[in-house]
Amino acid sequence: MSLNLPLTDMTLQEKLAAMELLWEDLARSPESVQSPDWHKDILDERRVRVAEGKARFVDWETAKRDIRDKIP
């Protein structure tokens, strides 16, 4: 199946709406979406850090600001 969307012609709102439609469809059957092995490995590592008291948490606003500050 080949899918071609006119991305260069779509507005930001149209692109976001298309993404929402895709997420809604995927969310209807989450069991059919397999996470890759590397994702499980990262989550396992984070659980260990939390259990050992080595995890660091920040609120969402701080996290967004930190991410934005790292983007050139």
C-alpha atoms as a PDB file:
ATOM      1  CA  MET A   1       0.000   0.000   0.000  1.00  0.00           C
ATOM      2  CA  SER A   2       1.348   3.370  -0.963  1.00  0.00           C
ATOM      3  CA  LEU A   3       0.058   6.495   0.701  1.00  0.00           C
ATOM      4  CA  ASN A   4       0.857   9.930  -0.590  1.00  0.00           C
ATOM      5  CA  LEU A   5      -0.283  12.984   1.290  1.00  0.00           C
ATOM      6  CA  PRO A   6       0.174  16.499  -0.073  1.00  0.00           C
ATOM      7  CA  LEU A   7       2.269  17.436   2.969  1.00  0.00           C
ATOM      8  CA  THR A   8       3.824  20.491   1.368  1.00  0.00           C
ATOM      9  CA  ASP A   9       0.336  21.792   0.563  1.00  0.00           C
ATOM     10  CA  MET A  10      -1.178  21.016   3.973  1.00  0.00           C
ATOM     11  CA  THR A  11      -1.483  23.600   6.709  1.00  0.00           C
ATOM     12  CA  LEU A  12      -0.164  22.892  10.187  1.00  0.00           C
ATOM     13  CA  GLN A  13      -3.740  22.396  11.388  1.00  0.00           C
ATOM     14  CA  GLU A  14      -4.406  19.865   8.620  1.00  0.00           C
ATOM     15  CA  LYS A  15      -1.225  17.952   9.464  1.00  0.00           C
ATOM     16  CA  LEU A  16      -2.114  17.868  13.160  1.00  0.00           C
ATOM     17  CA  ALA A  17      -5.644  16.700  12.331  1.00  0.00           C
ATOM     18  CA  ALA A  18      -4.216  13.874  10.197  1.00  0.00           C
ATOM     19  CA  MET A  19      -1.917  12.842  13.044  1.00  0.00           C
ATOM     20  CA  GLU A  20      -4.846  12.835  15.475  1.00  0.00           C
ATOM     21  CA  LEU A  21      -6.824  10.570  13.148  1.00  0.00           C
ATOM     22  CA  LEU A  22      -3.891   8.153  12.959  1.00  0.00           C
ATOM     23  CA  TRP A  23      -3.380   8.097  16.747  1.00  0.00           C
ATOM     24  CA  GLU A  24      -7.109   7.571  17.364  1.00  0.00           C
ATOM     25  CA  ASP A  25      -7.108   4.637  14.958  1.00  0.00           C
ATOM     26  CA  LEU A  26      -3.990   3.082  16.502  1.00  0.00           C
ATOM     27  CA  ALA A  27      -5.405   3.557  20.007  1.00  0.00           C
ATOM     28  CA  ARG A  28      -8.432   1.404  19.139  1.00  0.00           C
ATOM     29  CA  SER A  29      -6.222  -1.702  19.138  1.00  0.00           C
ATOM     30  CA  PRO A  30      -3.101  -0.973  21.208  1.00  0.00           C
ATOM     31  CA  GLU A  31      -2.342  -4.687  21.484  1.00  0.00           C
ATOM     32  CA  SER A  32      -1.524  -4.732  17.771  1.00  0.00           C
ATOM     33  CA  VAL A  33       1.187  -2.067  18.169  1.00  0.00           C
ATOM     34  CA  GLN A  34       4.379  -3.749  19.355  1.00  0.00           C
ATOM     35  CA  SER A  35       7.031  -1.717  21.114  1.00  0.00           C
ATOM     36  CA  PRO A  36      10.569  -2.393  19.955  1.00  0.00           C
ATOM     37  CA  ASP A  37      12.916  -4.339  22.256  1.00  0.00           C
ATOM     38  CA  TRP A  38      15.118  -1.279  22.808  1.00  0.00           C
ATOM     39  CA  HIS A  39      12.124   0.540  24.311  1.00  0.00           C
ATOM     40  CA  LYS A  40      11.613  -2.202  26.904  1.00  0.00           C
ATOM     41  CA  ASP A  41      15.329  -2.090  27.721  1.00  0.00           C
ATOM     42  CA  ILE A  42      15.192   1.661  28.386  1.00  0.00           C
ATOM     43  CA  LEU A  43      12.077   1.319  30.553  1.00  0.00           C
ATOM     44  CA  ASP A  44      13.735  -1.494  32.533  1.00  0.00           C
ATOM     45  CA  GLU A  45      16.822   0.672  33.105  1.00  0.00           C
ATOM     46  CA  ARG A  46      14.640   3.534  34.308  1.00  0.00           C
ATOM     47  CA  ARG A  47      12.740   1.252  36.706  1.00  0.00           C
ATOM     48  CA  VAL A  48      16.052   0.176  38.210  1.00  0.00           C
ATOM     49  CA  ARG A  49      17.151   3.812  38.662  1.00  0.00           C
ATOM     50  CA  VAL A  50      13.845   4.632  40.365  1.00  0.00           C
ATOM     51  CA  ALA A  51      14.143   1.597  42.654  1.00  0.00           C
ATOM     52  CA  GLU A  52      17.715   2.588  43.566  1.00  0.00           C
ATOM     53  CA  GLY A  53      16.686   6.184  44.213  1.00  0.00           C
ATOM     54  CA  LYS A  54      18.931   7.451  41.420  1.00  0.00           C
ATOM     55  CA  ALA A  55      16.181   8.803  39.151  1.00  0.00           C
ATOM     56  CA  ARG A  56      15.698  12.536  38.769  1.00  0.00           C
ATOM     57  CA  PHE A  57      12.279  13.985  38.033  1.00  0.00           C
ATOM     58  CA  VAL A  58      11.246  17.447  36.875  1.00  0.00           C
ATOM     59  CA  ASP A  59       7.836  18.944  36.234  1.00  0.00           C
ATOM     60  CA  TRP A  60       6.529  19.013  32.671  1.00  0.00           C
ATOM     61  CA  GLU A  61       7.054  22.749  32.133  1.00  0.00           C
ATOM     62  CA  THR A  62      10.714  22.462  33.181  1.00  0.00           C
ATOM     63  CA  ALA A  63      11.178  19.412  30.952  1.00  0.00           C
ATOM     64  CA  LYS A  64       9.737  21.241  27.928  1.00  0.00           C
ATOM     65  CA  ARG A  65      11.960  24.262  28.580  1.00  0.00           C
ATOM     66  CA  ASP A  66      15.048  22.038  28.915  1.00  0.00           C
ATOM     67  CA  ILE A  67      14.235  20.275  25.646  1.00  0.00           C
ATOM     68  CA  ARG A  68      13.653  23.573  23.832  1.00  0.00           C
ATOM     69  CA  ASP A  69      16.938  24.946  25.182  1.00  0.00           C
ATOM     70  CA  LYS A  70      18.803  21.984  23.643  1.00  0.00           C
ATOM     71  CA  ILE A  71      17.360  22.563  20.174  1.00  0.00           C
ATOM     72  CA  PRO A  72      19.450  24.951  18.088  1.00  0.00           C
END
